[in-house]
Amino acid sequence: MRIQTDTSRCEGHGLCADVAPEVYDLDEDAVVVLRHDVLPEALRAKAEAGARACPVAALRVVE
């Protein structure tokens, strides 16, 4: 399972990192950074919650 990011949409709100800091972070430019290349199954619920929190829909969890 992976997370698709559309960094061109990311506005640096940081809600994803607030909801799921084990999965998401922000870089020095406040653009989302993933903490895992391949998402562990144990973090799926957190990853999905963080993606849903994104107000600009820049994140998507995919198989």
PDB file of N, CA and C in Angstrom:
ATOM      1  N   MET A   1       0.848  -1.170   0.000  1.00  0.00           N
ATOM      2  CA  MET A   1       0.000   0.000   0.000  1.00  0.00           C
ATOM      3  C   MET A   1       0.894   1.232   0.000  1.00  0.00           C
ATOM      4  N   ARG A   2       0.464   2.243  -0.714  1.00  0.00           N
ATOM      5  CA  ARG A   2       1.250   3.473  -0.842  1.00  0.00           C
ATOM      6  C   ARG A   2       0.340   4.693  -0.686  1.00  0.00           C
ATOM      7  N   ILE A   3       0.973   5.826  -0.580  1.00  0.00           N
ATOM      8  CA  ILE A   3       0.252   7.089  -0.525  1.00  0.00           C
ATOM      9  C   ILE A   3       0.669   7.906  -1.739  1.00  0.00           C
ATOM     10  N   GLN A   4      -0.313   8.367  -2.495  1.00  0.00           N
ATOM     11  CA  GLN A   4      -0.028   9.257  -3.617  1.00  0.00           C
ATOM     12  C   GLN A   4      -0.156  10.686  -3.116  1.00  0.00           C
ATOM     13  N   THR A   5       0.832  11.493  -3.451  1.00  0.00           N
ATOM     14  CA  THR A   5       0.792  12.897  -3.062  1.00  0.00           C
ATOM     15  C   THR A   5       0.806  13.767  -4.302  1.00  0.00           C
ATOM     16  N   ASP A   6       0.048  14.819  -4.252  1.00  0.00           N
ATOM     17  CA  ASP A   6       0.067  15.828  -5.305  1.00  0.00           C
ATOM     18  C   ASP A   6       0.645  17.083  -4.658  1.00  0.00           C
ATOM     19  N   THR A   7       1.975  17.177  -4.683  1.00  0.00           N
ATOM     20  CA  THR A   7       2.633  18.285  -3.986  1.00  0.00           C
ATOM     21  C   THR A   7       2.303  19.637  -4.612  1.00  0.00           C
ATOM     22  N   SER A   8       1.854  19.644  -5.852  1.00  0.00           N
ATOM     23  CA  SER A   8       1.460  20.918  -6.461  1.00  0.00           C
ATOM     24  C   SER A   8       0.180  21.459  -5.820  1.00  0.00           C
ATOM     25  N   ARG A   9      -0.605  20.583  -5.213  1.00  0.00           N
ATOM     26  CA  ARG A   9      -1.837  21.001  -4.530  1.00  0.00           C
ATOM     27  C   ARG A   9      -1.591  21.360  -3.062  1.00  0.00           C
ATOM     28  N   CYS A  10      -0.529  20.794  -2.475  1.00  0.00           N
ATOM     29  CA  CYS A  10      -0.265  20.973  -1.052  1.00  0.00           C
ATOM     30  C   CYS A  10      -0.057  22.456  -0.736  1.00  0.00           C
ATOM     31  N   GLU A  11      -0.808  22.950   0.248  1.00  0.00           N
ATOM     32  CA  GLU A  11      -0.711  24.346   0.669  1.00  0.00           C
ATOM     33  C   GLU A  11      -0.075  24.479   2.043  1.00  0.00           C
ATOM     34  N   GLY A  12       0.413  23.380   2.607  1.00  0.00           N
ATOM     35  CA  GLY A  12       1.137  23.439   3.870  1.00  0.00           C
ATOM     36  C   GLY A  12       0.291  23.644   5.102  1.00  0.00           C
ATOM     37  N   HIS A  13      -0.969  23.250   5.059  1.00  0.00           N
ATOM     38  CA  HIS A  13      -1.829  23.387   6.235  1.00  0.00           C
ATOM     39  C   HIS A  13      -1.330  22.517   7.388  1.00  0.00           C
ATOM     40  N   GLY A  14      -0.771  21.359   7.070  1.00  0.00           N
ATOM     41  CA  GLY A  14      -0.210  20.478   8.089  1.00  0.00           C
ATOM     42  C   GLY A  14      -1.212  19.630   8.840  1.00  0.00           C
ATOM     43  N   LEU A  15      -2.454  19.620   8.411  1.00  0.00           N
ATOM     44  CA  LEU A  15      -3.466  18.823   9.107  1.00  0.00           C
ATOM     45  C   LEU A  15      -3.160  17.336   9.009  1.00  0.00           C
ATOM     46  N   CYS A  16      -2.603  16.901   7.886  1.00  0.00           N
ATOM     47  CA  CYS A  16      -2.236  15.494   7.743  1.00  0.00           C
ATOM     48  C   CYS A  16      -1.218  15.099   8.813  1.00  0.00           C
ATOM     49  N   ALA A  17      -0.213  15.933   9.010  1.00  0.00           N
ATOM     50  CA  ALA A  17       0.819  15.653  10.010  1.00  0.00           C
ATOM     51  C   ALA A  17       0.280  15.772  11.427  1.00  0.00           C
ATOM     52  N   ASP A  18      -0.694  16.627  11.649  1.00  0.00           N
ATOM     53  CA  ASP A  18      -1.326  16.729  12.969  1.00  0.00           C
ATOM     54  C   ASP A  18      -2.086  15.452  13.299  1.00  0.00           C
ATOM     55  N   VAL A  19      -2.808  14.929  12.317  1.00  0.00           N
ATOM     56  CA  VAL A  19      -3.635  13.739  12.512  1.00  0.00           C
ATOM     57  C   VAL A  19      -2.800  12.464  12.541  1.00  0.00           C
ATOM     58  N   ALA A  20      -1.784  12.391  11.685  1.00  0.00           N
ATOM     59  CA  ALA A  20      -0.994  11.159  11.549  1.00  0.00           C
ATOM     60  C   ALA A  20       0.505  11.469  11.448  1.00  0.00           C
ATOM     61  N   PRO A  21       1.116  11.912  12.537  1.00  0.00           N
ATOM     62  CA  PRO A  21       2.546  12.255  12.483  1.00  0.00           C
ATOM     63  C   PRO A  21       3.452  11.057  12.222  1.00  0.00           C
ATOM     64  N   GLU A  22       2.927   9.842  12.398  1.00  0.00           N
ATOM     65  CA  GLU A  22       3.702   8.636  12.085  1.00  0.00           C
ATOM     66  C   GLU A  22       3.816   8.420  10.578  1.00  0.00           C
ATOM     67  N   VAL A  23       2.947   9.096   9.830  1.00  0.00           N
ATOM     68  CA  VAL A  23       2.867   8.883   8.381  1.00  0.00           C
ATOM     69  C   VAL A  23       3.324  10.113   7.596  1.00  0.00           C
ATOM     70  N   TYR A  24       2.928  11.300   8.037  1.00  0.00           N
ATOM     71  CA  TYR A  24       3.168  12.530   7.286  1.00  0.00           C
ATOM     72  C   TYR A  24       4.023  13.512   8.079  1.00  0.00           C
ATOM     73  N   ASP A  25       4.776  14.321   7.332  1.00  0.00           N
ATOM     74  CA  ASP A  25       5.557  15.410   7.905  1.00  0.00           C
ATOM     75  C   ASP A  25       5.531  16.546   6.889  1.00  0.00           C
ATOM     76  N   LEU A  26       6.044  17.693   7.278  1.00  0.00           N
ATOM     77  CA  LEU A  26       6.182  18.813   6.346  1.00  0.00           C
ATOM     78  C   LEU A  26       7.654  19.165   6.239  1.00  0.00           C
ATOM     79  N   ASP A  27       8.094  19.522   5.034  1.00  0.00           N
ATOM     80  CA  ASP A  27       9.479  19.937   4.872  1.00  0.00           C
ATOM     81  C   ASP A  27       9.625  21.413   5.215  1.00  0.00           C
ATOM     82  N   GLU A  28      10.809  21.962   5.005  1.00  0.00           N
ATOM     83  CA  GLU A  28      11.075  23.360   5.374  1.00  0.00           C
ATOM     84  C   GLU A  28      10.234  24.352   4.581  1.00  0.00           C
ATOM     85  N   ASP A  29       9.674  23.907   3.453  1.00  0.00           N
ATOM     86  CA  ASP A  29       8.794  24.766   2.655  1.00  0.00           C
ATOM     87  C   ASP A  29       7.320  24.503   2.945  1.00  0.00           C
ATOM     88  N   ALA A  30       7.057  23.713   3.980  1.00  0.00           N
ATOM     89  CA  ALA A  30       5.691  23.352   4.393  1.00  0.00           C
ATOM     90  C   ALA A  30       4.962  22.529   3.331  1.00  0.00           C
ATOM     91  N   VAL A  31       5.707  21.659   2.647  1.00  0.00           N
ATOM     92  CA  VAL A  31       5.130  20.728   1.681  1.00  0.00           C
ATOM     93  C   VAL A  31       5.167  19.342   2.305  1.00  0.00           C
ATOM     94  N   VAL A  32       4.100  18.587   2.104  1.00  0.00           N
ATOM     95  CA  VAL A  32       3.991  17.263   2.720  1.00  0.00           C
ATOM     96  C   VAL A  32       5.132  16.344   2.291  1.00  0.00           C
ATOM     97  N   VAL A  33       5.630  15.587   3.280  1.00  0.00           N
ATOM     98  CA  VAL A  33       6.672  14.579   3.073  1.00  0.00           C
ATOM     99  C   VAL A  33       6.170  13.298   3.719  1.00  0.00           C
ATOM    100  N   LEU A  34       6.350  12.191   3.021  1.00  0.00           N
ATOM    101  CA  LEU A  34       5.926  10.898   3.557  1.00  0.00           C
ATOM    102  C   LEU A  34       7.047  10.296   4.387  1.00  0.00           C
ATOM    103  N   ARG A  35       6.702   9.692   5.502  1.00  0.00           N
ATOM    104  CA  ARG A  35       7.694   9.050   6.362  1.00  0.00           C
ATOM    105  C   ARG A  35       8.000   7.616   5.926  1.00  0.00           C
ATOM    106  N   HIS A  36       7.195   7.049   5.014  1.00  0.00           N
ATOM    107  CA  HIS A  36       7.377   5.668   4.549  1.00  0.00           C
ATOM    108  C   HIS A  36       7.218   5.616   3.037  1.00  0.00           C
ATOM    109  N   ASP A  37       8.118   4.876   2.366  1.00  0.00           N
ATOM    110  CA  ASP A  37       7.954   4.641   0.925  1.00  0.00           C
ATOM    111  C   ASP A  37       6.801   3.675   0.683  1.00  0.00           C
ATOM    112  N   VAL A  38       6.776   2.613   1.472  1.00  0.00           N
ATOM    113  CA  VAL A  38       5.687   1.647   1.448  1.00  0.00           C
ATOM    114  C   VAL A  38       5.045   1.677   2.827  1.00  0.00           C
ATOM    115  N   LEU A  39       3.769   1.909   2.858  1.00  0.00           N
ATOM    116  CA  LEU A  39       3.054   2.095   4.112  1.00  0.00           C
ATOM    117  C   LEU A  39       2.788   0.769   4.811  1.00  0.00           C
ATOM    118  N   PRO A  40       3.215   0.615   6.061  1.00  0.00           N
ATOM    119  CA  PRO A  40       2.887  -0.601   6.810  1.00  0.00           C
ATOM    120  C   PRO A  40       1.371  -0.697   7.033  1.00  0.00           C
ATOM    121  N   GLU A  41       0.837  -1.886   6.951  1.00  0.00           N
ATOM    122  CA  GLU A  41      -0.606  -2.099   7.133  1.00  0.00           C
ATOM    123  C   GLU A  41      -1.093  -1.534   8.459  1.00  0.00           C
ATOM    124  N   ALA A  42      -0.262  -1.601   9.479  1.00  0.00           N
ATOM    125  CA  ALA A  42      -0.646  -1.114  10.809  1.00  0.00           C
ATOM    126  C   ALA A  42      -0.922   0.385  10.823  1.00  0.00           C
ATOM    127  N   LEU A  43      -0.430   1.119   9.831  1.00  0.00           N
ATOM    128  CA  LEU A  43      -0.635   2.572   9.782  1.00  0.00           C
ATOM    129  C   LEU A  43      -1.704   2.993   8.774  1.00  0.00           C
ATOM    130  N   ARG A  44      -2.378   2.019   8.186  1.00  0.00           N
ATOM    131  CA  ARG A  44      -3.368   2.342   7.153  1.00  0.00           C
ATOM    132  C   ARG A  44      -4.462   3.285   7.663  1.00  0.00           C
ATOM    133  N   ALA A  45      -5.044   2.989   8.797  1.00  0.00           N
ATOM    134  CA  ALA A  45      -6.129   3.831   9.323  1.00  0.00           C
ATOM    135  C   ALA A  45      -5.636   5.255   9.579  1.00  0.00           C
ATOM    136  N   LYS A  46      -4.425   5.375  10.118  1.00  0.00           N
ATOM    137  CA  LYS A  46      -3.850   6.703  10.366  1.00  0.00           C
ATOM    138  C   LYS A  46      -3.617   7.437   9.044  1.00  0.00           C
ATOM    139  N   ALA A  47      -3.067   6.730   8.061  1.00  0.00           N
ATOM    140  CA  ALA A  47      -2.797   7.339   6.761  1.00  0.00           C
ATOM    141  C   ALA A  47      -4.079   7.833   6.108  1.00  0.00           C
ATOM    142  N   GLU A  48      -5.123   7.026   6.172  1.00  0.00           N
ATOM    143  CA  GLU A  48      -6.408   7.420   5.588  1.00  0.00           C
ATOM    144  C   GLU A  48      -6.997   8.625   6.316  1.00  0.00           C
ATOM    145  N   ALA A  49      -6.883   8.649   7.633  1.00  0.00           N
ATOM    146  CA  ALA A  49      -7.396   9.787   8.410  1.00  0.00           C
ATOM    147  C   ALA A  49      -6.631  11.062   8.045  1.00  0.00           C
ATOM    148  N   GLY A  50      -5.322  10.952   7.906  1.00  0.00           N
ATOM    149  CA  GLY A  50      -4.525  12.112   7.517  1.00  0.00           C
ATOM    150  C   GLY A  50      -4.868  12.596   6.127  1.00  0.00           C
ATOM    151  N   ALA A  51      -5.103  11.666   5.201  1.00  0.00           N
ATOM    152  CA  ALA A  51      -5.484  12.039   3.840  1.00  0.00           C
ATOM    153  C   ALA A  51      -6.844  12.739   3.828  1.00  0.00           C
ATOM    154  N   ARG A  52      -7.775  12.231   4.617  1.00  0.00           N
ATOM    155  CA  ARG A  52      -9.105  12.864   4.695  1.00  0.00           C
ATOM    156  C   ARG A  52      -9.029  14.261   5.301  1.00  0.00           C
ATOM    157  N   ALA A  53      -8.061  14.502   6.169  1.00  0.00           N
ATOM    158  CA  ALA A  53      -7.929  15.803   6.829  1.00  0.00           C
ATOM    159  C   ALA A  53      -7.396  16.877   5.886  1.00  0.00           C
ATOM    160  N   CYS A  54      -6.803  16.472   4.770  1.00  0.00           N
ATOM    161  CA  CYS A  54      -6.221  17.443   3.840  1.00  0.00           C
ATOM    162  C   CYS A  54      -7.325  18.275   3.187  1.00  0.00           C
ATOM    163  N   PRO A  55      -7.319  19.582   3.407  1.00  0.00           N
ATOM    164  CA  PRO A  55      -8.398  20.422   2.855  1.00  0.00           C
ATOM    165  C   PRO A  55      -8.315  20.636   1.346  1.00  0.00           C
ATOM    166  N   VAL A  56      -7.185  20.274   0.734  1.00  0.00           N
ATOM    167  CA  VAL A  56      -7.049  20.460  -0.711  1.00  0.00           C
ATOM    168  C   VAL A  56      -6.936  19.131  -1.455  1.00  0.00           C
ATOM    169  N   ALA A  57      -7.197  18.029  -0.782  1.00  0.00           N
ATOM    170  CA  ALA A  57      -7.191  16.677  -1.359  1.00  0.00           C
ATOM    171  C   ALA A  57      -5.889  16.364  -2.098  1.00  0.00           C
ATOM    172  N   ALA A  58      -4.772  16.637  -1.450  1.00  0.00           N
ATOM    173  CA  ALA A  58      -3.469  16.392  -2.055  1.00  0.00           C
ATOM    174  C   ALA A  58      -2.945  14.977  -1.757  1.00  0.00           C
ATOM    175  N   LEU A  59      -3.692  14.199  -0.980  1.00  0.00           N
ATOM    176  CA  LEU A  59      -3.225  12.876  -0.541  1.00  0.00           C
ATOM    177  C   LEU A  59      -4.260  11.798  -0.844  1.00  0.00           C
ATOM    178  N   ARG A  60      -3.743  10.617  -1.195  1.00  0.00           N
ATOM    179  CA  ARG A  60      -4.642   9.484  -1.452  1.00  0.00           C
ATOM    180  C   ARG A  60      -3.924   8.186  -1.124  1.00  0.00           C
ATOM    181  N   VAL A  61      -4.563   7.327  -0.338  1.00  0.00           N
ATOM    182  CA  VAL A  61      -4.013   6.025  -0.004  1.00  0.00           C
ATOM    183  C   VAL A  61      -4.471   5.044  -1.092  1.00  0.00           C
ATOM    184  N   VAL A  62      -3.501   4.326  -1.677  1.00  0.00           N
ATOM    185  CA  VAL A  62      -3.801   3.375  -2.754  1.00  0.00           C
ATOM    186  C   VAL A  62      -3.156   2.025  -2.452  1.00  0.00           C
ATOM    187  N   GLU A  63      -3.731   0.993  -3.020  1.00  0.00           N
ATOM    188  CA  GLU A  63      -3.190  -0.371  -2.841  1.00  0.00           C
ATOM    189  C   GLU A  63      -1.933  -0.546  -3.645  1.00  0.00           C
TER     190      GLU A  63
END
